[in-house]
Amino acid sequence: MRVKKVPRWVGGLVVVLLLLGTLIWLSGRRQQRPDRLLVLQVADQPVYVNEAMVYWRLMQEEFERLGSESVWDLEILGASPEQIALDRVLESIVRIKVSQPLTRQLTEQEESKVQEKAQQLGNWLGADFMEMHAIDAELLEQIVEENYKVYCYEQEVQFSAGSNEEEINQRLQEQFANYDYLDQEYYLSKAMIRTMMFYTGQWVEDQWVTYSEAQKELIHEEAWRIKRMVTADNFVKTAKMYSDNWTMADNPVFSYGAVQHEQSDYGYVYRGQMEPEVSEAVFNTGWGKVSNVLETDYGYLIVYVMAFNDAQESDYIAYEEQLAAAKQEFREQSIEELKSQRLEEEWQRLETESDVQRFGVVLSEYIAEHTV
């Protein structure tokens, strides 16, 4: 049987097709390189995926540091943590870039420090991460240098406490006006109590988010179930077993007033440091008695009242000292808030005056493909 000979041109065509396919594949691979995928264009400064991935990893670390309860429960607010992280990454880079023309040159000593910090950043990111996303030492130095320059610029933004003294004093007056006419004896009257708390919400990014009415009703029923089984003798044991919080530490119900009793876990509390409704209920509950289930702004509370006591001389001294310290802390906080407000206004101005183009979908798709 004769084998039909294949014309030479057919073999050549196959080679050409294979070569063309390889070139197309290589071209596609090149287009996917993170140092060629544009995610931002700020004036004449392009930002590619590899640079954005450094910020993304740092943002991940920040989210992890804050913890799951604070960040990854953002779904409660109807928001996507991943999208919020992505938005913050892009916003951070924009602010870094638009501020660059206003920053100063670094000294030799600062440049040396930048190189040291860039090396530390590279060690933290790890060789595998850097290789995967085409990040090199030069890019890290650029990122660290730009961030340091903007940090210096932020410190130099004009802000004078003196020029804002009127606004600061107004804030102080609004925050502490009620203490000027307060009956200290009433505020400092004390109750020795032990507590159990059933929360009906949680903090999400410094915002208290209340659960649904159905969830609150279930928690309310559970609180009353516990109330029916609790006595003065088994109060602490029951609280530890069933409640969300059995101490007063970190319980916002007992942080109502600026002056707090020194014992924070359980023991004496001032009348004025409790939410007003809770204060009234506690002081109306008899000595040695367990209160009903008390509804508060943060959940349901059950209180065991062990004793009452009048204010001592040390309490009045503590009142004056804590109030003065609270006012000073609030003042410093107000100054920082005003400075942040000035910076925010400055960034918005710079961004408005700059030509900024975002291609967030590029970064979003890249992250989805290259991270777990």
Protein backbone atom coordinates (compact mmCIF):
# COMPACT_ATOMS: atom_id res chain seq x y z
CA MET A 1 0.00 0.00 0.00
CA ARG A 2 1.49 3.35 -1.00
CA VAL A 3 1.56 6.10 1.61
CA LYS A 4 0.38 9.39 0.24
CA LYS A 5 3.16 11.96 0.49
CA VAL A 6 2.32 15.17 2.37
CA PRO A 7 3.29 18.30 0.42
CA ARG A 8 6.15 20.28 1.96
CA TRP A 9 4.07 23.41 2.18
CA VAL A 10 1.68 21.70 4.62
CA GLY A 11 4.51 21.01 7.07
CA GLY A 12 5.63 24.61 6.74
CA LEU A 13 2.11 25.81 7.43
CA VAL A 14 1.93 23.74 10.62
CA VAL A 15 5.19 25.28 11.86
CA VAL A 16 3.90 28.77 11.08
CA LEU A 17 0.63 28.11 12.93
CA LEU A 18 2.46 26.72 15.94
CA LEU A 19 4.79 29.70 16.00
CA LEU A 20 1.87 32.12 15.65
CA GLY A 21 0.02 30.37 18.47
CA THR A 22 3.11 30.61 20.68
CA LEU A 23 3.49 34.31 19.92
CA ILE A 24 -0.18 34.93 20.75
CA TRP A 25 0.19 33.01 23.99
CA LEU A 26 3.35 34.90 24.91
CA SER A 27 1.64 38.16 24.02
CA GLY A 28 -1.24 37.27 26.33
CA ARG A 29 1.22 36.37 29.06
CA ARG A 30 2.96 39.70 28.66
CA GLN A 31 -0.33 41.54 28.91
CA GLN A 32 -0.99 39.81 32.22
CA ARG A 33 2.30 40.89 33.79
CA PRO A 34 1.47 42.89 36.94
CA ASP A 35 4.09 45.52 36.07
CA ARG A 36 2.23 46.23 32.83
CA LEU A 37 -1.37 46.27 34.07
CA LEU A 38 -2.41 49.87 34.73
CA VAL A 39 -4.66 50.47 37.75
CA LEU A 40 -4.22 54.22 38.25
CA GLN A 41 -3.07 57.20 36.23
CA VAL A 42 -2.44 60.23 38.44
CA ALA A 43 -1.43 63.10 36.15
CA ASP A 44 1.72 61.75 34.49
CA GLN A 45 2.32 59.09 37.14
CA PRO A 46 1.18 55.58 36.11
CA VAL A 47 0.57 53.00 38.82
CA TYR A 48 0.68 49.34 37.87
CA VAL A 49 -0.65 46.26 39.62
CA ASN A 50 2.71 45.32 41.15
CA GLU A 51 2.87 48.61 43.05
CA ALA A 52 -0.78 48.36 44.09
CA MET A 53 -0.22 44.83 45.41
CA VAL A 54 2.23 46.14 48.02
CA TYR A 55 -0.49 48.46 49.33
CA TRP A 56 -3.03 45.62 49.11
CA ARG A 57 -0.84 43.35 51.26
CA LEU A 58 -0.35 46.11 53.81
CA MET A 59 -4.10 46.71 53.90
CA GLN A 60 -4.67 43.00 54.45
CA GLU A 61 -2.27 43.13 57.38
CA GLU A 62 -4.15 46.10 58.82
CA PHE A 63 -7.47 44.28 58.52
CA GLU A 64 -5.98 41.18 60.15
CA ARG A 65 -4.54 43.28 62.96
CA LEU A 66 -7.90 44.90 63.66
CA GLY A 67 -9.48 41.47 63.88
CA SER A 68 -12.48 39.73 62.43
CA GLU A 69 -15.08 41.29 64.72
CA SER A 70 -14.00 44.79 63.74
CA VAL A 71 -13.48 44.40 60.01
CA TRP A 72 -14.63 41.21 58.37
CA ASP A 73 -18.15 41.58 59.80
CA LEU A 74 -18.73 44.58 57.56
CA GLU A 75 -21.43 42.57 55.81
CA ILE A 76 -23.63 43.66 58.71
CA LEU A 77 -23.49 47.14 57.20
CA GLY A 78 -24.23 45.73 53.78
CA ALA A 79 -20.64 46.35 52.69
CA SER A 80 -17.99 44.07 51.23
CA PRO A 81 -14.74 44.03 53.23
CA GLU A 82 -12.80 43.18 50.05
CA GLN A 83 -14.32 46.13 48.19
CA ILE A 84 -13.65 48.49 51.09
CA ALA A 85 -10.04 47.28 51.23
CA LEU A 86 -9.69 47.80 47.46
CA ASP A 87 -11.16 51.30 47.66
CA ARG A 88 -8.80 52.22 50.47
CA VAL A 89 -5.80 50.91 48.57
CA LEU A 90 -6.62 53.04 45.54
CA GLU A 91 -7.42 56.09 47.68
CA SER A 92 -4.15 55.72 49.59
CA ILE A 93 -2.14 55.59 46.38
CA VAL A 94 -3.98 58.61 44.93
CA ARG A 95 -3.20 60.65 48.04
CA ILE A 96 0.46 59.60 47.91
CA LYS A 97 0.75 60.58 44.23
CA VAL A 98 -1.11 63.90 44.28
CA SER A 99 0.97 65.04 47.27
CA GLN A 100 4.34 64.29 45.65
CA PRO A 101 4.80 67.65 43.86
CA LEU A 102 4.51 69.42 47.23
CA THR A 103 6.97 67.25 49.12
CA ARG A 104 10.62 68.07 49.72
CA GLN A 105 13.79 66.22 48.80
CA LEU A 106 15.17 63.82 51.39
CA THR A 107 18.49 64.22 53.15
CA GLU A 108 21.21 61.59 52.76
CA GLN A 109 20.42 60.28 56.21
CA GLU A 110 16.72 59.98 55.33
CA GLU A 111 17.53 58.23 52.05
CA SER A 112 19.63 55.71 53.96
CA LYS A 113 16.73 55.13 56.34
CA VAL A 114 14.37 54.67 53.40
CA GLN A 115 16.62 51.98 51.94
CA GLU A 116 16.73 50.21 55.29
CA LYS A 117 12.95 50.32 55.65
CA ALA A 118 12.46 49.16 52.06
CA GLN A 119 14.64 46.13 52.76
CA GLN A 120 12.62 45.38 55.89
CA LEU A 121 9.42 45.67 53.86
CA GLY A 122 10.80 43.26 51.27
CA ASN A 123 11.70 40.75 53.98
CA TRP A 124 8.20 41.04 55.40
CA LEU A 125 6.51 40.61 52.02
CA GLY A 126 8.68 37.59 51.26
CA ALA A 127 10.51 36.50 48.12
CA ASP A 128 7.59 34.41 46.83
CA PHE A 129 5.13 37.31 47.04
CA MET A 130 7.55 39.69 45.37
CA GLU A 131 8.36 37.27 42.56
CA MET A 132 4.71 36.42 41.94
CA HIS A 133 3.76 40.08 41.56
CA ALA A 134 6.94 41.36 39.86
CA ILE A 135 7.99 43.54 42.80
CA ASP A 136 11.66 44.45 43.02
CA ALA A 137 13.85 46.36 45.48
CA GLU A 138 13.72 49.55 43.40
CA LEU A 139 9.93 49.63 43.52
CA LEU A 140 9.93 49.09 47.28
CA GLU A 141 12.35 51.97 47.78
CA GLN A 142 10.11 54.18 45.66
CA ILE A 143 7.04 53.23 47.70
CA VAL A 144 8.75 53.78 51.05
CA GLU A 145 10.27 57.09 49.91
CA GLU A 146 6.98 58.45 48.62
CA ASN A 147 5.17 57.47 51.81
CA TYR A 148 7.85 59.05 53.99
CA LYS A 149 7.73 62.26 51.98
CA VAL A 150 3.96 62.47 52.38
CA TYR A 151 4.28 61.73 56.10
CA CYS A 152 6.64 64.72 56.40
CA TYR A 153 4.23 66.82 54.35
CA GLU A 154 1.35 65.89 56.65
CA GLN A 155 3.33 67.03 59.67
CA GLU A 156 3.98 70.37 57.99
CA VAL A 157 0.36 71.11 57.08
CA GLN A 158 -0.47 74.43 58.67
CA PHE A 159 -2.47 73.93 61.84
CA SER A 160 -2.43 76.16 64.87
CA ALA A 161 -4.30 75.28 68.04
CA GLY A 162 -4.35 78.97 68.89
CA SER A 163 -6.13 79.92 65.68
CA ASN A 164 -8.78 77.30 66.41
CA GLU A 165 -9.10 77.99 70.11
CA GLU A 166 -12.68 79.20 69.83
CA GLU A 167 -13.83 76.03 68.08
CA ILE A 168 -11.95 73.82 70.54
CA ASN A 169 -13.46 75.61 73.53
CA GLN A 170 -16.91 75.31 71.98
CA ARG A 171 -16.45 71.56 71.67
CA LEU A 172 -15.29 71.32 75.28
CA GLN A 173 -18.27 73.33 76.47
CA GLU A 174 -20.73 71.11 74.61
CA GLN A 175 -19.06 67.92 75.85
CA PHE A 176 -18.70 68.82 79.54
CA ALA A 177 -21.33 71.51 80.17
CA ASN A 178 -23.42 69.23 82.38
CA TYR A 179 -20.50 68.78 84.82
CA ASP A 180 -20.47 72.48 85.65
CA TYR A 181 -23.79 72.20 87.50
CA LEU A 182 -23.57 68.57 88.57
CA ASP A 183 -24.33 67.42 92.09
CA GLN A 184 -21.07 65.63 92.85
CA GLU A 185 -22.49 63.85 95.88
CA TYR A 186 -25.23 62.38 93.72
CA TYR A 187 -22.80 61.41 90.95
CA LEU A 188 -20.36 59.76 93.37
CA SER A 189 -22.85 57.74 95.40
CA LYS A 190 -21.83 54.13 94.90
CA ALA A 191 -23.30 50.68 94.48
CA MET A 192 -21.36 47.44 94.77
CA ILE A 193 -22.71 45.24 92.02
CA ARG A 194 -22.02 42.22 89.89
CA THR A 195 -23.40 42.04 86.39
CA MET A 196 -24.18 39.90 83.40
CA MET A 197 -24.67 41.34 79.93
CA PHE A 198 -26.41 40.01 76.81
CA TYR A 199 -25.45 42.19 73.86
CA THR A 200 -27.93 42.99 71.08
CA GLY A 201 -25.39 44.34 68.62
CA GLN A 202 -21.70 44.72 68.00
CA TRP A 203 -19.10 47.31 67.07
CA VAL A 204 -18.21 47.48 63.40
CA GLU A 205 -15.54 50.03 62.51
CA ASP A 206 -16.34 52.21 65.53
CA GLN A 207 -20.04 52.04 64.76
CA TRP A 208 -22.52 50.21 66.96
CA VAL A 209 -24.70 47.99 64.77
CA THR A 210 -27.87 46.63 66.34
CA TYR A 211 -29.09 43.16 65.48
CA SER A 212 -32.47 42.60 63.85
CA GLU A 213 -35.64 42.76 65.92
CA ALA A 214 -36.03 38.99 65.62
CA GLN A 215 -32.52 38.43 66.98
CA LYS A 216 -33.10 40.92 69.78
CA GLU A 217 -36.27 39.13 70.78
CA LEU A 218 -34.44 35.80 71.02
CA ILE A 219 -31.72 37.41 73.15
CA HIS A 220 -34.39 38.99 75.35
CA GLU A 221 -36.03 35.62 75.90
CA GLU A 222 -32.67 34.07 76.74
CA ALA A 223 -31.91 36.83 79.24
CA TRP A 224 -35.23 36.20 81.01
CA ARG A 225 -34.58 32.45 81.01
CA ILE A 226 -31.29 33.08 82.80
CA LYS A 227 -32.97 35.57 85.14
CA ARG A 228 -35.41 32.91 86.33
CA MET A 229 -32.60 30.54 87.29
CA VAL A 230 -30.19 33.03 88.85
CA THR A 231 -29.83 33.75 92.58
CA ALA A 232 -27.43 35.80 94.66
CA ASP A 233 -25.48 32.63 95.45
CA ASN A 234 -25.05 31.37 91.87
CA PHE A 235 -24.94 34.76 90.14
CA VAL A 236 -21.26 34.86 89.17
CA LYS A 237 -21.13 31.19 88.15
CA THR A 238 -24.24 31.59 86.00
CA ALA A 239 -22.96 34.83 84.48
CA LYS A 240 -19.66 33.21 83.48
CA MET A 241 -21.49 30.29 81.88
CA TYR A 242 -24.25 32.07 79.97
CA SER A 243 -23.67 35.81 79.52
CA ASP A 244 -21.64 37.66 76.89
CA ASN A 245 -19.83 39.72 79.52
CA TRP A 246 -19.85 39.15 83.27
CA THR A 247 -17.58 42.07 84.23
CA MET A 248 -17.93 45.81 83.84
CA ALA A 249 -14.69 46.07 81.90
CA ASP A 250 -15.30 47.19 78.30
CA ASN A 251 -19.05 47.36 78.96
CA PRO A 252 -20.25 50.71 77.52
CA VAL A 253 -23.23 50.73 79.88
CA PHE A 254 -20.77 51.60 82.66
CA SER A 255 -18.79 54.18 80.70
CA TYR A 256 -21.53 56.79 80.56
CA GLY A 257 -19.77 59.37 82.73
CA ALA A 258 -16.26 60.77 82.36
CA VAL A 259 -15.39 59.82 85.94
CA GLN A 260 -15.14 56.09 86.59
CA HIS A 261 -14.62 54.16 89.80
CA GLU A 262 -11.14 52.67 89.96
CA GLN A 263 -12.41 49.09 90.16
CA SER A 264 -13.43 48.09 86.65
CA ASP A 265 -14.14 44.35 86.77
CA TYR A 266 -16.81 44.22 89.43
CA GLY A 267 -17.38 46.04 92.68
CA TYR A 268 -18.31 49.63 93.38
CA VAL A 269 -19.48 51.87 90.55
CA TYR A 270 -20.52 55.50 90.68
CA ARG A 271 -24.11 56.36 89.98
CA GLY A 272 -22.98 58.88 87.36
CA GLN A 273 -20.92 56.40 85.33
CA MET A 274 -23.95 54.26 84.53
CA GLU A 275 -26.55 54.92 81.87
CA PRO A 276 -29.29 56.95 83.62
CA GLU A 277 -31.99 54.26 83.27
CA VAL A 278 -29.61 51.61 84.59
CA SER A 279 -28.55 53.88 87.46
CA GLU A 280 -32.16 54.40 88.51
CA ALA A 281 -32.95 50.68 88.33
CA VAL A 282 -29.82 49.70 90.29
CA PHE A 283 -30.49 52.17 93.12
CA ASN A 284 -34.13 51.06 93.25
CA THR A 285 -33.14 47.41 93.59
CA GLY A 286 -32.90 46.33 97.19
CA TRP A 287 -29.67 45.30 98.90
CA GLY A 288 -28.87 41.66 98.26
CA LYS A 289 -31.40 41.48 95.42
CA VAL A 290 -31.12 40.61 91.73
CA SER A 291 -32.67 43.11 89.33
CA ASN A 292 -35.08 42.35 86.55
CA VAL A 293 -33.77 42.23 82.99
CA LEU A 294 -32.82 45.84 82.21
CA GLU A 295 -32.90 47.08 78.62
CA THR A 296 -29.94 49.29 77.71
CA ASP A 297 -28.63 50.89 74.54
CA TYR A 298 -26.32 47.91 74.05
CA GLY A 299 -28.33 44.93 75.19
CA TYR A 300 -29.96 43.34 78.22
CA LEU A 301 -28.41 43.60 81.67
CA ILE A 302 -29.00 41.77 84.94
CA VAL A 303 -27.50 43.22 88.11
CA TYR A 304 -26.89 41.71 91.55
CA VAL A 305 -26.78 44.55 94.13
CA MET A 306 -24.41 43.73 96.99
CA ALA A 307 -24.21 47.07 98.82
CA PHE A 308 -24.61 50.84 98.63
CA ASN A 309 -22.18 53.44 99.92
CA ASP A 310 -21.82 57.22 100.07
CA ALA A 311 -18.95 59.09 98.46
CA GLN A 312 -15.68 59.36 100.40
CA GLU A 313 -13.10 62.14 100.34
CA SER A 314 -10.95 60.08 97.96
CA ASP A 315 -13.88 59.91 95.55
CA TYR A 316 -14.10 63.71 95.36
CA ILE A 317 -10.36 63.94 94.69
CA ALA A 318 -10.64 61.26 91.99
CA TYR A 319 -13.59 63.14 90.49
CA GLU A 320 -11.61 66.37 90.03
CA GLU A 321 -8.53 64.59 88.72
CA GLN A 322 -10.40 62.39 86.25
CA LEU A 323 -12.57 65.22 85.01
CA ALA A 324 -9.51 67.42 84.37
CA ALA A 325 -7.78 64.51 82.60
CA ALA A 326 -10.89 63.80 80.51
CA LYS A 327 -11.09 67.44 79.42
CA GLN A 328 -7.41 67.47 78.45
CA GLU A 329 -7.79 64.21 76.51
CA PHE A 330 -10.84 65.57 74.72
CA ARG A 331 -8.98 68.75 73.88
CA GLU A 332 -6.05 66.82 72.37
CA GLN A 333 -8.47 64.62 70.48
CA SER A 334 -10.24 67.69 69.10
CA ILE A 335 -6.93 69.12 67.90
CA GLU A 336 -6.11 65.87 66.09
CA GLU A 337 -9.60 65.75 64.57
CA LEU A 338 -9.28 69.31 63.31
CA LYS A 339 -5.85 68.57 61.88
CA SER A 340 -7.21 65.47 60.14
CA GLN A 341 -10.05 67.60 58.81
CA ARG A 342 -7.56 70.11 57.38
CA LEU A 343 -5.58 67.30 55.78
CA GLU A 344 -8.72 65.77 54.31
CA GLU A 345 -9.69 69.11 52.82
CA GLU A 346 -6.17 69.49 51.40
CA TRP A 347 -6.21 66.01 49.84
CA GLN A 348 -9.58 66.66 48.28
CA ARG A 349 -8.29 69.90 46.82
CA LEU A 350 -5.18 68.22 45.41
CA GLU A 351 -7.19 65.36 43.93
CA THR A 352 -9.70 67.77 42.37
CA GLU A 353 -6.89 69.72 40.75
CA SER A 354 -5.16 66.58 39.47
CA ASP A 355 -6.07 64.36 36.56
CA VAL A 356 -6.87 61.05 38.24
CA GLN A 357 -8.07 57.98 36.37
CA ARG A 358 -8.94 54.76 38.20
CA PHE A 359 -9.03 51.27 36.72
CA GLY A 360 -10.04 49.45 39.87
CA VAL A 361 -11.60 46.56 37.98
CA VAL A 362 -8.14 45.61 36.71
CA LEU A 363 -6.79 45.31 40.23
CA SER A 364 -9.94 43.59 41.44
CA GLU A 365 -9.73 40.94 38.74
CA TYR A 366 -6.00 40.46 39.29
CA ILE A 367 -6.50 39.97 43.04
CA ALA A 368 -9.30 37.48 42.41
CA GLU A 369 -7.05 35.46 40.10
CA HIS A 370 -3.83 35.57 42.12
CA THR A 371 -4.84 35.48 45.79
CA VAL A 372 -6.77 33.06 47.94
